[in-house]
């Protein structure tokens, strides 16, 4: 299995990790209710709220990333290029989530754009 394929598992885990942080009593300054999770989202504040937003964004970007990696493999793009872009994407997502949790808006946006450019790059090398 390639490095890029392993990064798919890591990317899939990001929303789960953010969900754990969102539900953590240490992070919560709102009231998360696991019996009514969707209803309690509007009560979240601070780190829990930002973890929830990072969780949502991690779900939103995942299909594009998965598609880009698979297309790059199917198109026969050079494996080293695929792996590098995949690892950079993961690094961008780690930074993105950290920035979201710390409430650093500008670095968060920069890391999101860099991650998106990795997805675009995977499609470009597939052409």
N, C-alpha and C. Protein backbone atom coordinates (compact mmCIF):
# COMPACT_ATOMS: atom_id res chain seq x y z
N UNK A 1 0.85 -1.18 0.00
CA UNK A 1 0.00 0.00 0.00
C UNK A 1 0.89 1.24 0.00
N UNK A 2 0.50 2.25 -0.72
CA UNK A 2 1.32 3.44 -0.86
C UNK A 2 1.14 4.39 0.33
N UNK A 3 2.06 5.32 0.45
CA UNK A 3 1.96 6.35 1.49
C UNK A 3 0.68 7.15 1.30
N UNK A 4 0.38 7.49 0.06
CA UNK A 4 -0.83 8.29 -0.22
C UNK A 4 -2.09 7.56 0.23
N UNK A 5 -2.13 6.24 0.02
CA UNK A 5 -3.29 5.50 0.47
C UNK A 5 -3.39 5.50 2.00
N UNK A 6 -2.26 5.42 2.69
CA UNK A 6 -2.29 5.50 4.16
C UNK A 6 -2.79 6.86 4.63
N UNK A 7 -2.48 7.91 3.87
CA UNK A 7 -2.95 9.24 4.28
C UNK A 7 -4.47 9.35 4.19
N UNK A 8 -5.09 8.51 3.37
CA UNK A 8 -6.55 8.51 3.33
C UNK A 8 -7.11 8.12 4.69
N UNK A 9 -6.52 7.13 5.32
CA UNK A 9 -6.96 6.73 6.65
C UNK A 9 -6.77 7.87 7.65
N UNK A 10 -5.65 8.55 7.55
CA UNK A 10 -5.39 9.68 8.44
C UNK A 10 -6.43 10.78 8.22
N UNK A 11 -6.71 11.08 6.95
CA UNK A 11 -7.70 12.12 6.64
C UNK A 11 -9.09 11.73 7.14
N UNK A 12 -9.41 10.45 7.05
CA UNK A 12 -10.70 9.97 7.55
C UNK A 12 -10.77 10.12 9.07
N UNK A 13 -9.64 10.02 9.74
CA UNK A 13 -9.60 10.10 11.20
C UNK A 13 -9.73 11.52 11.74
N UNK A 14 -9.43 12.52 10.92
CA UNK A 14 -9.50 13.91 11.41
C UNK A 14 -10.87 14.28 11.99
N UNK A 15 -11.98 13.99 11.29
CA UNK A 15 -13.26 14.34 11.91
C UNK A 15 -13.50 13.63 13.23
N UNK A 16 -13.07 12.37 13.30
CA UNK A 16 -13.24 11.62 14.56
C UNK A 16 -12.46 12.27 15.68
N UNK A 17 -11.22 12.67 15.39
CA UNK A 17 -10.40 13.32 16.40
C UNK A 17 -11.04 14.63 16.87
N UNK A 18 -11.54 15.40 15.93
CA UNK A 18 -12.19 16.66 16.30
C UNK A 18 -13.46 16.40 17.11
N UNK A 19 -14.16 15.31 16.81
CA UNK A 19 -15.35 14.95 17.58
C UNK A 19 -14.99 14.60 19.02
N UNK A 20 -13.88 13.89 19.19
CA UNK A 20 -13.42 13.56 20.55
C UNK A 20 -13.09 14.84 21.32
N UNK A 21 -12.41 15.76 20.67
CA UNK A 21 -12.07 17.03 21.32
C UNK A 21 -13.34 17.81 21.63
N UNK A 22 -14.27 17.83 20.68
CA UNK A 22 -15.54 18.55 20.87
C UNK A 22 -16.27 18.04 22.10
N UNK A 23 -16.26 16.73 22.31
CA UNK A 23 -17.01 16.11 23.40
C UNK A 23 -16.24 16.09 24.72
N UNK A 24 -14.97 16.43 24.67
CA UNK A 24 -14.13 16.35 25.86
C UNK A 24 -14.59 17.33 26.93
N UNK A 25 -14.73 16.85 28.15
CA UNK A 25 -15.10 17.78 29.24
C UNK A 25 -14.02 18.83 29.48
N UNK A 26 -12.78 18.52 29.13
CA UNK A 26 -11.71 19.49 29.32
C UNK A 26 -11.82 20.66 28.34
N UNK A 27 -12.36 20.39 27.16
CA UNK A 27 -12.46 21.43 26.14
C UNK A 27 -13.78 22.17 26.19
N UNK A 28 -14.78 21.55 26.76
CA UNK A 28 -16.13 22.10 26.67
C UNK A 28 -16.35 23.26 27.62
N UNK A 29 -16.81 24.36 27.05
CA UNK A 29 -17.26 25.48 27.86
C UNK A 29 -18.75 25.70 27.62
N UNK A 30 -19.32 24.88 26.77
CA UNK A 30 -20.77 24.86 26.57
C UNK A 30 -21.27 23.56 27.15
N UNK A 31 -22.48 23.20 26.81
CA UNK A 31 -23.00 21.95 27.35
C UNK A 31 -23.27 20.99 26.20
N UNK A 32 -22.35 20.04 26.02
CA UNK A 32 -22.53 19.00 25.01
C UNK A 32 -23.34 17.88 25.63
N UNK A 33 -24.42 17.50 24.97
CA UNK A 33 -25.29 16.44 25.46
C UNK A 33 -25.23 15.30 24.47
N UNK A 34 -24.60 14.20 24.85
CA UNK A 34 -24.45 13.07 23.95
C UNK A 34 -25.78 12.38 23.66
N UNK A 35 -26.80 12.61 24.48
CA UNK A 35 -28.12 12.04 24.22
C UNK A 35 -28.85 12.80 23.12
N UNK A 36 -28.51 14.07 22.95
CA UNK A 36 -29.11 14.90 21.89
C UNK A 36 -27.99 15.71 21.25
N UNK A 37 -27.08 15.04 20.52
CA UNK A 37 -25.87 15.72 20.04
C UNK A 37 -26.13 16.89 19.10
N UNK A 38 -27.04 16.75 18.17
CA UNK A 38 -27.26 17.84 17.21
C UNK A 38 -27.89 19.05 17.90
N UNK A 39 -28.80 18.81 18.83
CA UNK A 39 -29.44 19.91 19.53
C UNK A 39 -28.45 20.66 20.42
N UNK A 40 -27.46 19.96 20.94
CA UNK A 40 -26.52 20.60 21.86
C UNK A 40 -25.41 21.37 21.15
N UNK A 41 -25.29 21.22 19.82
CA UNK A 41 -24.21 21.91 19.11
C UNK A 41 -24.30 23.42 19.23
N UNK A 42 -25.51 23.96 19.27
CA UNK A 42 -25.66 25.41 19.36
C UNK A 42 -25.25 25.96 20.72
N UNK A 43 -25.12 25.08 21.72
CA UNK A 43 -24.71 25.51 23.05
C UNK A 43 -23.20 25.48 23.26
N UNK A 44 -22.48 24.91 22.30
CA UNK A 44 -21.03 24.80 22.45
C UNK A 44 -20.38 26.17 22.34
N UNK A 45 -19.28 26.31 23.06
CA UNK A 45 -18.51 27.55 23.03
C UNK A 45 -17.03 27.19 23.07
N UNK A 46 -16.21 28.17 22.76
CA UNK A 46 -14.77 28.01 22.91
C UNK A 46 -14.20 26.89 22.07
N UNK A 47 -13.29 26.12 22.67
CA UNK A 47 -12.59 25.05 21.97
C UNK A 47 -13.57 24.00 21.44
N UNK A 48 -14.59 23.67 22.22
CA UNK A 48 -15.56 22.67 21.77
C UNK A 48 -16.27 23.13 20.50
N UNK A 49 -16.66 24.37 20.46
CA UNK A 49 -17.34 24.90 19.28
C UNK A 49 -16.40 24.90 18.08
N UNK A 50 -15.16 25.33 18.29
CA UNK A 50 -14.20 25.36 17.18
C UNK A 50 -13.85 23.95 16.72
N UNK A 51 -13.78 22.98 17.65
CA UNK A 51 -13.54 21.59 17.27
C UNK A 51 -14.71 21.06 16.44
N UNK A 52 -15.92 21.46 16.77
CA UNK A 52 -17.08 21.07 15.99
C UNK A 52 -17.00 21.62 14.58
N UNK A 53 -16.59 22.87 14.45
CA UNK A 53 -16.45 23.48 13.13
C UNK A 53 -15.33 22.80 12.33
N UNK A 54 -14.23 22.48 13.01
CA UNK A 54 -13.12 21.77 12.34
C UNK A 54 -13.57 20.37 11.92
N UNK A 55 -14.38 19.74 12.74
CA UNK A 55 -14.93 18.42 12.39
C UNK A 55 -15.76 18.51 11.12
N UNK A 56 -16.64 19.50 11.06
CA UNK A 56 -17.48 19.68 9.88
C UNK A 56 -16.64 19.93 8.63
N UNK A 57 -15.64 20.80 8.76
CA UNK A 57 -14.80 21.09 7.60
C UNK A 57 -14.00 19.87 7.17
N UNK A 58 -13.58 19.07 8.14
CA UNK A 58 -12.83 17.86 7.81
C UNK A 58 -13.69 16.89 7.01
N UNK A 59 -14.97 16.80 7.35
CA UNK A 59 -15.89 15.98 6.56
C UNK A 59 -16.09 16.58 5.17
N UNK A 60 -16.17 17.91 5.09
CA UNK A 60 -16.45 18.58 3.81
C UNK A 60 -15.31 18.41 2.81
N UNK A 61 -14.07 18.46 3.26
CA UNK A 61 -12.94 18.40 2.34
C UNK A 61 -12.55 16.96 1.99
N UNK A 62 -13.01 16.01 2.78
CA UNK A 62 -12.61 14.61 2.61
C UNK A 62 -12.95 14.02 1.24
N UNK A 63 -14.15 14.19 0.69
CA UNK A 63 -14.44 13.57 -0.60
C UNK A 63 -13.52 14.05 -1.73
N UNK A 64 -13.22 15.33 -1.74
CA UNK A 64 -12.33 15.85 -2.77
C UNK A 64 -10.93 15.27 -2.65
N UNK A 65 -10.45 15.12 -1.43
CA UNK A 65 -9.12 14.57 -1.21
C UNK A 65 -9.07 13.09 -1.62
N UNK A 66 -10.06 12.34 -1.19
CA UNK A 66 -10.10 10.92 -1.54
C UNK A 66 -10.14 10.76 -3.06
N UNK A 67 -10.99 11.53 -3.71
CA UNK A 67 -11.08 11.46 -5.17
C UNK A 67 -9.76 11.82 -5.82
N UNK A 68 -9.10 12.86 -5.33
CA UNK A 68 -7.84 13.30 -5.93
C UNK A 68 -6.76 12.23 -5.83
N UNK A 69 -6.66 11.57 -4.68
CA UNK A 69 -5.65 10.51 -4.52
C UNK A 69 -5.96 9.34 -5.44
N UNK A 70 -7.21 8.94 -5.49
CA UNK A 70 -7.58 7.79 -6.33
C UNK A 70 -7.38 8.12 -7.80
N UNK A 71 -7.79 9.30 -8.23
CA UNK A 71 -7.61 9.70 -9.63
C UNK A 71 -6.13 9.73 -9.99
N UNK A 72 -5.31 10.27 -9.10
CA UNK A 72 -3.87 10.32 -9.37
C UNK A 72 -3.30 8.92 -9.56
N UNK A 73 -3.73 7.98 -8.73
CA UNK A 73 -3.26 6.59 -8.87
C UNK A 73 -3.75 5.97 -10.18
N UNK A 74 -5.03 6.15 -10.46
CA UNK A 74 -5.60 5.56 -11.67
C UNK A 74 -5.01 6.16 -12.94
N UNK A 75 -4.65 7.44 -12.88
CA UNK A 75 -4.08 8.11 -14.06
C UNK A 75 -2.61 7.77 -14.24
N UNK A 76 -2.02 7.11 -13.27
CA UNK A 76 -0.62 6.72 -13.39
C UNK A 76 0.36 7.84 -13.12
N UNK A 77 -0.05 8.81 -12.32
CA UNK A 77 0.87 9.89 -11.95
C UNK A 77 2.05 9.30 -11.18
N UNK A 78 3.15 10.01 -11.19
CA UNK A 78 4.35 9.52 -10.52
C UNK A 78 4.08 9.39 -9.01
N UNK A 79 4.38 8.21 -8.48
CA UNK A 79 4.05 7.90 -7.09
C UNK A 79 4.71 8.85 -6.09
N UNK A 80 5.95 9.22 -6.34
CA UNK A 80 6.62 10.15 -5.42
C UNK A 80 5.88 11.48 -5.33
N UNK A 81 5.39 11.97 -6.46
CA UNK A 81 4.64 13.23 -6.47
C UNK A 81 3.32 13.08 -5.71
N UNK A 82 2.65 11.96 -5.93
CA UNK A 82 1.38 11.71 -5.23
C UNK A 82 1.64 11.67 -3.72
N UNK A 83 2.66 10.93 -3.31
CA UNK A 83 2.97 10.79 -1.89
C UNK A 83 3.32 12.13 -1.26
N UNK A 84 4.11 12.94 -1.94
CA UNK A 84 4.51 14.24 -1.40
C UNK A 84 3.30 15.14 -1.23
N UNK A 85 2.46 15.22 -2.27
CA UNK A 85 1.26 16.06 -2.16
C UNK A 85 0.33 15.55 -1.08
N UNK A 86 0.23 14.24 -0.94
CA UNK A 86 -0.62 13.66 0.10
C UNK A 86 -0.09 13.99 1.50
N UNK A 87 1.21 13.88 1.69
CA UNK A 87 1.79 14.20 2.99
C UNK A 87 1.68 15.69 3.31
N UNK A 88 1.86 16.52 2.31
CA UNK A 88 1.71 17.96 2.52
C UNK A 88 0.25 18.28 2.87
N UNK A 89 -0.68 17.61 2.19
CA UNK A 89 -2.10 17.81 2.52
C UNK A 89 -2.36 17.48 3.98
N UNK A 90 -1.85 16.34 4.44
CA UNK A 90 -2.06 15.94 5.84
C UNK A 90 -1.42 16.96 6.79
N UNK A 91 -0.23 17.42 6.46
CA UNK A 91 0.42 18.44 7.30
C UNK A 91 -0.44 19.71 7.35
N UNK A 92 -1.00 20.08 6.22
CA UNK A 92 -1.88 21.26 6.18
C UNK A 92 -3.12 21.06 7.03
N UNK A 93 -3.66 19.85 7.01
CA UNK A 93 -4.86 19.58 7.82
C UNK A 93 -4.54 19.56 9.31
N UNK A 94 -3.37 19.05 9.68
CA UNK A 94 -2.97 19.10 11.10
C UNK A 94 -2.86 20.56 11.53
N UNK A 95 -2.19 21.35 10.72
CA UNK A 95 -2.05 22.77 11.03
C UNK A 95 -3.40 23.46 11.05
N UNK A 96 -4.25 23.13 10.09
CA UNK A 96 -5.59 23.72 10.01
C UNK A 96 -6.37 23.46 11.31
N UNK A 97 -6.40 22.20 11.73
CA UNK A 97 -7.14 21.85 12.95
C UNK A 97 -6.55 22.52 14.18
N UNK A 98 -5.23 22.54 14.27
CA UNK A 98 -4.58 23.23 15.38
C UNK A 98 -4.95 24.71 15.40
N UNK A 99 -4.88 25.34 14.24
CA UNK A 99 -5.23 26.77 14.14
C UNK A 99 -6.69 27.00 14.52
N UNK A 100 -7.56 26.09 14.10
CA UNK A 100 -8.97 26.23 14.46
C UNK A 100 -9.16 26.15 15.96
N UNK A 101 -8.51 25.17 16.58
CA UNK A 101 -8.64 25.00 18.03
C UNK A 101 -8.07 26.19 18.80
N UNK A 102 -6.99 26.77 18.28
CA UNK A 102 -6.35 27.91 18.94
C UNK A 102 -6.98 29.24 18.56
N UNK A 103 -7.93 29.21 17.61
CA UNK A 103 -8.62 30.41 17.15
C UNK A 103 -7.68 31.38 16.42
N UNK A 104 -6.80 30.82 15.62
CA UNK A 104 -5.88 31.60 14.80
C UNK A 104 -6.45 31.64 13.38
N UNK A 105 -7.22 32.66 13.07
CA UNK A 105 -7.99 32.65 11.83
C UNK A 105 -7.15 32.78 10.56
N UNK A 106 -6.17 33.67 10.53
CA UNK A 106 -5.39 33.85 9.30
C UNK A 106 -4.53 32.63 8.98
N UNK A 107 -3.76 32.10 9.92
CA UNK A 107 -3.01 30.87 9.60
C UNK A 107 -3.92 29.70 9.24
N UNK A 108 -5.11 29.68 9.86
CA UNK A 108 -6.08 28.63 9.52
C UNK A 108 -6.48 28.73 8.06
N UNK A 109 -6.78 29.93 7.60
CA UNK A 109 -7.17 30.11 6.21
C UNK A 109 -6.03 29.77 5.25
N UNK A 110 -4.82 30.16 5.62
CA UNK A 110 -3.65 29.85 4.78
C UNK A 110 -3.46 28.34 4.68
N UNK A 111 -3.58 27.64 5.80
CA UNK A 111 -3.39 26.18 5.78
C UNK A 111 -4.52 25.50 5.01
N UNK A 112 -5.74 26.05 5.07
CA UNK A 112 -6.84 25.48 4.30
C UNK A 112 -6.58 25.64 2.80
N UNK A 113 -6.15 26.82 2.41
CA UNK A 113 -5.85 27.08 0.99
C UNK A 113 -4.71 26.17 0.52
N UNK A 114 -3.68 26.02 1.33
CA UNK A 114 -2.56 25.15 0.96
C UNK A 114 -3.03 23.71 0.79
N UNK A 115 -3.90 23.24 1.67
CA UNK A 115 -4.46 21.89 1.53
C UNK A 115 -5.29 21.74 0.27
N UNK A 116 -6.08 22.76 -0.03
CA UNK A 116 -6.87 22.74 -1.25
C UNK A 116 -5.97 22.71 -2.49
N UNK A 117 -4.87 23.45 -2.44
CA UNK A 117 -3.93 23.44 -3.56
C UNK A 117 -3.28 22.06 -3.74
N UNK A 118 -3.11 21.32 -2.65
CA UNK A 118 -2.60 19.94 -2.77
C UNK A 118 -3.60 19.07 -3.51
N UNK A 119 -4.88 19.26 -3.23
CA UNK A 119 -5.92 18.50 -3.94
C UNK A 119 -5.89 18.85 -5.42
N UNK A 120 -5.84 20.14 -5.72
CA UNK A 120 -5.76 20.58 -7.10
C UNK A 120 -4.50 20.01 -7.76
N UNK A 121 -3.39 20.04 -7.03
CA UNK A 121 -2.13 19.50 -7.55
C UNK A 121 -2.23 18.04 -7.88
N UNK A 122 -2.94 17.27 -7.08
CA UNK A 122 -3.12 15.84 -7.38
C UNK A 122 -3.88 15.66 -8.69
N UNK A 123 -4.86 16.49 -8.94
CA UNK A 123 -5.57 16.41 -10.23
C UNK A 123 -4.70 16.86 -11.38
N UNK A 124 -3.90 17.91 -11.15
CA UNK A 124 -3.04 18.44 -12.22
C UNK A 124 -2.01 17.39 -12.63
N UNK A 125 -1.38 16.72 -11.67
CA UNK A 125 -0.37 15.72 -12.05
C UNK A 125 -0.99 14.49 -12.69
N UNK A 126 -2.31 14.39 -12.59
CA UNK A 126 -3.01 13.28 -13.21
C UNK A 126 -3.31 13.53 -14.68
N UNK A 127 -3.21 14.79 -15.09
CA UNK A 127 -3.58 15.16 -16.47
C UNK A 127 -2.58 14.65 -17.49
